[in-house]
N, C-alpha and C. Protein backbone atom coordinates (compact mmCIF):
# COMPACT_ATOMS: atom_id res chain seq x y z
N TYR A 1 44.25 59.52 68.42
CA TYR A 1 42.98 58.79 68.49
C TYR A 1 42.66 58.29 69.88
N ARG A 2 43.73 58.01 70.64
CA ARG A 2 43.58 57.50 71.95
C ARG A 2 43.48 58.58 73.01
N ARG A 3 43.56 59.78 72.66
CA ARG A 3 43.58 60.91 73.61
C ARG A 3 42.18 61.04 74.26
N PRO A 4 42.19 61.49 75.50
CA PRO A 4 40.87 61.63 76.18
C PRO A 4 39.92 62.65 75.47
N ASN A 5 40.45 63.66 74.84
CA ASN A 5 39.54 64.59 74.19
C ASN A 5 38.85 64.02 72.91
N LEU A 6 39.35 62.84 72.46
CA LEU A 6 38.72 62.28 71.24
C LEU A 6 37.72 61.09 71.62
N ARG A 7 37.39 61.02 72.93
CA ARG A 7 36.49 59.97 73.34
C ARG A 7 35.14 60.08 72.65
N PRO A 8 34.52 61.25 72.53
CA PRO A 8 33.24 61.31 71.77
C PRO A 8 33.38 60.81 70.34
N LEU A 9 34.47 61.03 69.70
CA LEU A 9 34.62 60.53 68.38
C LEU A 9 34.72 58.98 68.40
N ARG A 10 35.44 58.37 69.29
CA ARG A 10 35.52 56.98 69.50
C ARG A 10 34.13 56.36 69.66
N LYS A 11 33.39 56.95 70.56
CA LYS A 11 32.07 56.44 70.87
C LYS A 11 31.11 56.53 69.60
N SER A 12 31.26 57.55 68.83
CA SER A 12 30.44 57.67 67.63
C SER A 12 30.85 56.68 66.62
N LEU A 13 32.17 56.53 66.47
CA LEU A 13 32.63 55.50 65.54
C LEU A 13 32.27 54.08 65.92
N ALA A 14 32.22 53.86 67.22
CA ALA A 14 31.85 52.52 67.72
C ALA A 14 30.39 52.24 67.29
N SER A 15 29.49 53.17 67.47
CA SER A 15 28.11 52.91 67.09
C SER A 15 27.96 52.78 65.58
N VAL A 16 28.73 53.50 64.81
CA VAL A 16 28.74 53.35 63.39
C VAL A 16 29.25 52.01 62.99
N LEU A 17 30.28 51.54 63.67
CA LEU A 17 30.84 50.21 63.35
C LEU A 17 29.84 49.10 63.70
N ASP A 18 29.10 49.26 64.81
CA ASP A 18 28.02 48.27 65.12
C ASP A 18 27.03 48.22 64.06
N LEU A 19 26.57 49.40 63.55
CA LEU A 19 25.55 49.40 62.43
C LEU A 19 26.12 48.82 61.20
N HIS A 20 27.44 49.06 60.92
CA HIS A 20 28.04 48.47 59.75
C HIS A 20 28.16 46.97 59.85
N LYS A 21 28.50 46.45 61.07
CA LYS A 21 28.51 45.00 61.21
C LYS A 21 27.19 44.34 60.94
N LEU A 22 26.08 45.00 61.35
CA LEU A 22 24.77 44.51 61.07
C LEU A 22 24.55 44.41 59.55
N LEU A 23 24.96 45.36 58.81
CA LEU A 23 24.88 45.36 57.42
C LEU A 23 25.76 44.30 56.77
N MET A 24 26.91 44.12 57.27
CA MET A 24 27.89 43.19 56.74
C MET A 24 27.47 41.73 56.90
N TYR A 25 26.87 41.43 58.03
CA TYR A 25 26.51 40.12 58.39
C TYR A 25 25.06 39.86 58.34
N ASP A 26 24.27 40.54 57.57
CA ASP A 26 22.82 40.33 57.34
C ASP A 26 22.06 40.31 58.73
N GLY A 27 22.45 41.20 59.60
CA GLY A 27 21.78 41.34 60.86
C GLY A 27 22.09 40.31 61.89
N LYS A 28 23.04 39.40 61.56
CA LYS A 28 23.49 38.38 62.51
C LYS A 28 24.78 38.77 63.15
N SER A 29 25.15 38.07 64.19
CA SER A 29 26.40 38.34 64.82
C SER A 29 27.52 37.77 63.91
N GLU A 30 28.69 38.19 64.11
CA GLU A 30 29.81 37.70 63.25
C GLU A 30 30.03 36.21 63.33
N ASP A 31 29.95 35.76 64.64
CA ASP A 31 30.10 34.28 64.85
C ASP A 31 28.98 33.51 64.17
N ARG A 32 27.80 33.89 64.33
CA ARG A 32 26.59 33.22 63.74
C ARG A 32 26.69 33.20 62.17
N HIS A 33 27.12 34.36 61.68
CA HIS A 33 27.29 34.49 60.17
C HIS A 33 28.32 33.46 59.64
N PHE A 34 29.43 33.39 60.34
CA PHE A 34 30.50 32.46 59.83
C PHE A 34 30.07 30.96 60.09
N ALA A 35 29.38 30.73 61.12
CA ALA A 35 28.83 29.38 61.41
C ALA A 35 27.80 29.02 60.34
N ASP A 36 26.94 29.94 59.92
CA ASP A 36 25.99 29.65 58.85
C ASP A 36 26.75 29.41 57.54
N ARG A 37 27.79 30.20 57.28
CA ARG A 37 28.57 30.01 56.08
C ARG A 37 29.20 28.62 55.99
N VAL A 38 29.76 28.16 57.14
CA VAL A 38 30.35 26.78 57.19
C VAL A 38 29.25 25.77 56.88
N GLU A 39 28.09 25.89 57.51
CA GLU A 39 26.98 24.98 57.22
C GLU A 39 26.58 24.96 55.75
N GLU A 40 26.50 26.15 55.13
CA GLU A 40 26.11 26.24 53.74
C GLU A 40 27.17 25.54 52.85
N ARG A 41 28.41 25.82 53.15
CA ARG A 41 29.53 25.15 52.37
C ARG A 41 29.50 23.70 52.55
N THR A 42 29.26 23.20 53.72
CA THR A 42 29.21 21.77 53.97
C THR A 42 28.10 21.13 53.16
N LEU A 43 26.95 21.78 53.18
CA LEU A 43 25.78 21.28 52.40
C LEU A 43 26.06 21.32 50.92
N LYS A 44 26.68 22.38 50.45
CA LYS A 44 27.01 22.47 49.03
C LYS A 44 28.04 21.30 48.63
N ARG A 45 29.02 21.13 49.51
CA ARG A 45 29.99 20.11 49.20
C ARG A 45 29.28 18.69 49.17
N GLN A 46 28.36 18.43 50.08
CA GLN A 46 27.65 17.19 50.04
C GLN A 46 26.88 17.02 48.81
N LYS A 47 26.17 18.07 48.37
CA LYS A 47 25.40 17.96 47.10
C LYS A 47 26.29 17.75 45.90
N MET A 48 27.40 18.44 45.85
CA MET A 48 28.35 18.24 44.73
C MET A 48 28.89 16.76 44.73
N ALA A 49 29.15 16.19 45.86
CA ALA A 49 29.62 14.83 45.97
C ALA A 49 28.50 13.84 45.48
N GLU A 50 27.32 14.14 45.85
CA GLU A 50 26.16 13.33 45.41
C GLU A 50 26.00 13.36 43.91
N ARG A 51 26.10 14.53 43.36
CA ARG A 51 25.99 14.68 41.90
C ARG A 51 27.12 13.93 41.23
N ALA A 52 28.32 14.02 41.78
CA ALA A 52 29.47 13.29 41.14
C ALA A 52 29.21 11.76 41.22
N ARG A 53 28.71 11.25 42.33
CA ARG A 53 28.43 9.84 42.41
C ARG A 53 27.37 9.36 41.47
N GLN A 54 26.36 10.24 41.28
CA GLN A 54 25.31 9.91 40.31
C GLN A 54 25.84 9.85 38.88
N LYS A 55 26.68 10.82 38.56
CA LYS A 55 27.23 10.89 37.16
C LYS A 55 28.19 9.64 36.97
N LYS A 56 28.93 9.25 37.97
CA LYS A 56 29.79 8.13 37.89
C LYS A 56 28.95 6.86 37.69
N TYR A 57 27.87 6.73 38.37
CA TYR A 57 27.01 5.58 38.23
C TYR A 57 26.39 5.51 36.84
N VAL A 58 25.90 6.64 36.36
CA VAL A 58 25.32 6.63 35.05
C VAL A 58 26.34 6.32 33.96
N ALA A 59 27.52 6.88 34.11
CA ALA A 59 28.57 6.63 33.19
C ALA A 59 29.00 5.11 33.19
N GLY A 60 28.86 4.49 34.34
CA GLY A 60 29.24 3.14 34.49
C GLY A 60 28.24 2.10 33.98
N THR A 61 27.07 2.47 33.78
CA THR A 61 26.05 1.51 33.30
C THR A 61 26.43 1.00 31.94
N ALA A 62 26.05 -0.25 31.75
CA ALA A 62 26.40 -0.92 30.49
C ALA A 62 25.79 -0.20 29.25
N LEU A 63 24.58 0.23 29.31
CA LEU A 63 23.93 0.87 28.16
C LEU A 63 24.69 2.15 27.83
N ARG A 64 25.04 2.99 28.81
CA ARG A 64 25.73 4.22 28.58
C ARG A 64 27.11 3.84 27.96
N ARG A 65 27.77 2.91 28.53
CA ARG A 65 29.12 2.56 28.07
C ARG A 65 29.06 2.13 26.62
N GLY A 66 28.04 1.32 26.26
CA GLY A 66 27.86 0.85 24.92
C GLY A 66 27.64 2.03 23.90
N ARG A 67 26.85 2.94 24.28
CA ARG A 67 26.61 4.14 23.42
C ARG A 67 27.89 4.97 23.25
N ILE A 68 28.68 5.15 24.27
CA ILE A 68 29.88 5.87 24.17
C ILE A 68 30.86 5.15 23.21
N GLU A 69 30.95 3.82 23.36
CA GLU A 69 31.86 3.13 22.47
C GLU A 69 31.43 3.20 21.00
N ARG A 70 30.13 3.17 20.78
CA ARG A 70 29.65 3.35 19.36
C ARG A 70 29.99 4.78 18.83
N LEU A 71 29.79 5.70 19.71
CA LEU A 71 30.13 7.12 19.34
C LEU A 71 31.62 7.21 18.95
N GLU A 72 32.46 6.70 19.72
CA GLU A 72 33.89 6.69 19.47
C GLU A 72 34.22 6.01 18.13
N ARG A 73 33.58 4.93 17.86
CA ARG A 73 33.80 4.18 16.52
C ARG A 73 33.40 5.10 15.37
N LEU A 74 32.24 5.74 15.59
CA LEU A 74 31.75 6.70 14.51
C LEU A 74 32.76 7.84 14.31
N LYS A 75 33.29 8.39 15.38
CA LYS A 75 34.26 9.41 15.32
C LYS A 75 35.48 8.96 14.51
N GLU A 76 35.99 7.75 14.81
CA GLU A 76 37.14 7.20 14.17
C GLU A 76 36.89 7.11 12.63
N ASP A 77 35.70 6.58 12.33
CA ASP A 77 35.33 6.42 10.88
C ASP A 77 35.24 7.76 10.19
N ALA A 78 34.68 8.71 10.83
CA ALA A 78 34.54 10.04 10.23
C ALA A 78 35.90 10.76 10.10
N ARG A 79 36.88 10.44 11.02
CA ARG A 79 38.18 11.10 10.95
C ARG A 79 38.88 10.69 9.64
N GLY A 80 38.74 9.45 9.19
CA GLY A 80 39.35 9.05 7.96
C GLY A 80 38.73 9.84 6.76
N GLU A 81 37.39 9.97 6.80
CA GLU A 81 36.68 10.71 5.69
C GLU A 81 37.14 12.17 5.63
N VAL A 82 37.28 12.77 6.73
CA VAL A 82 37.74 14.16 6.85
C VAL A 82 39.09 14.27 6.29
N LEU A 83 40.01 13.38 6.65
CA LEU A 83 41.44 13.49 6.11
C LEU A 83 41.39 13.30 4.61
N GLU A 84 40.53 12.41 4.12
CA GLU A 84 40.43 12.23 2.62
C GLU A 84 39.97 13.51 1.99
N LYS A 85 39.00 14.19 2.54
CA LYS A 85 38.51 15.44 1.97
C LYS A 85 39.56 16.48 1.98
N MET A 86 40.36 16.51 3.05
CA MET A 86 41.42 17.52 3.18
C MET A 86 42.55 17.33 2.11
N ARG A 87 42.75 16.07 1.72
CA ARG A 87 43.75 15.84 0.71
C ARG A 87 43.43 16.49 -0.61
N HIS A 88 42.15 16.64 -0.92
CA HIS A 88 41.71 17.32 -2.17
C HIS A 88 42.06 18.79 -2.12
N MET A 89 42.29 19.34 -0.99
CA MET A 89 42.54 20.77 -0.86
C MET A 89 44.04 21.11 -1.00
N ILE A 90 44.87 20.07 -1.07
CA ILE A 90 46.34 20.30 -1.18
C ILE A 90 46.61 20.67 -2.64
N ALA A 91 47.33 21.73 -2.81
CA ALA A 91 47.74 22.18 -4.12
C ALA A 91 48.80 21.23 -4.71
N ASP A 92 48.57 20.68 -5.96
CA ASP A 92 49.55 19.69 -6.45
C ASP A 92 50.31 20.30 -7.74
N GLY A 93 50.26 21.51 -7.89
CA GLY A 93 50.97 22.12 -9.01
C GLY A 93 51.38 23.55 -8.71
N HIS A 94 51.74 24.24 -9.76
CA HIS A 94 52.14 25.65 -9.62
C HIS A 94 50.92 26.47 -9.21
N VAL A 95 51.06 27.34 -8.19
CA VAL A 95 50.03 28.22 -7.80
C VAL A 95 50.46 29.68 -8.04
N GLU A 96 49.58 30.37 -8.76
CA GLU A 96 49.89 31.78 -9.14
C GLU A 96 49.68 32.61 -7.82
N THR A 97 50.76 33.26 -7.39
CA THR A 97 50.62 34.09 -6.21
C THR A 97 50.52 35.60 -6.52
N ALA A 98 50.72 35.94 -7.71
CA ALA A 98 50.67 37.39 -8.07
C ALA A 98 49.18 37.85 -8.04
N ALA A 99 48.97 39.04 -7.86
CA ALA A 99 47.66 39.70 -7.76
C ALA A 99 47.00 39.64 -9.15
N ILE A 100 45.74 39.30 -9.25
CA ILE A 100 45.06 39.17 -10.50
C ILE A 100 44.64 40.64 -10.84
N GLU A 101 45.01 41.06 -12.09
CA GLU A 101 44.66 42.44 -12.50
C GLU A 101 43.51 42.50 -13.45
């Protein structure tokens, strides 16, 4: 590849590589592309942090906290009812396991 007689091939490949880089980086230079990516990621991280702060604030409000507590109490009450219904499904005698003909 490094021989002098392959110089035209190297020159052709270099131009192809330049075209390929333009496709890879949306027409930008490699440095500009990666700088833009860093900026995008920073902005995305900031937005995610803001959403997390808002969710934490909403969850911390008294009204929301009261609703969640009531929901948990309802779930506890319902759990007892479900267990009671399940008890009726327990077989309490001999169960015929042979196939019915």
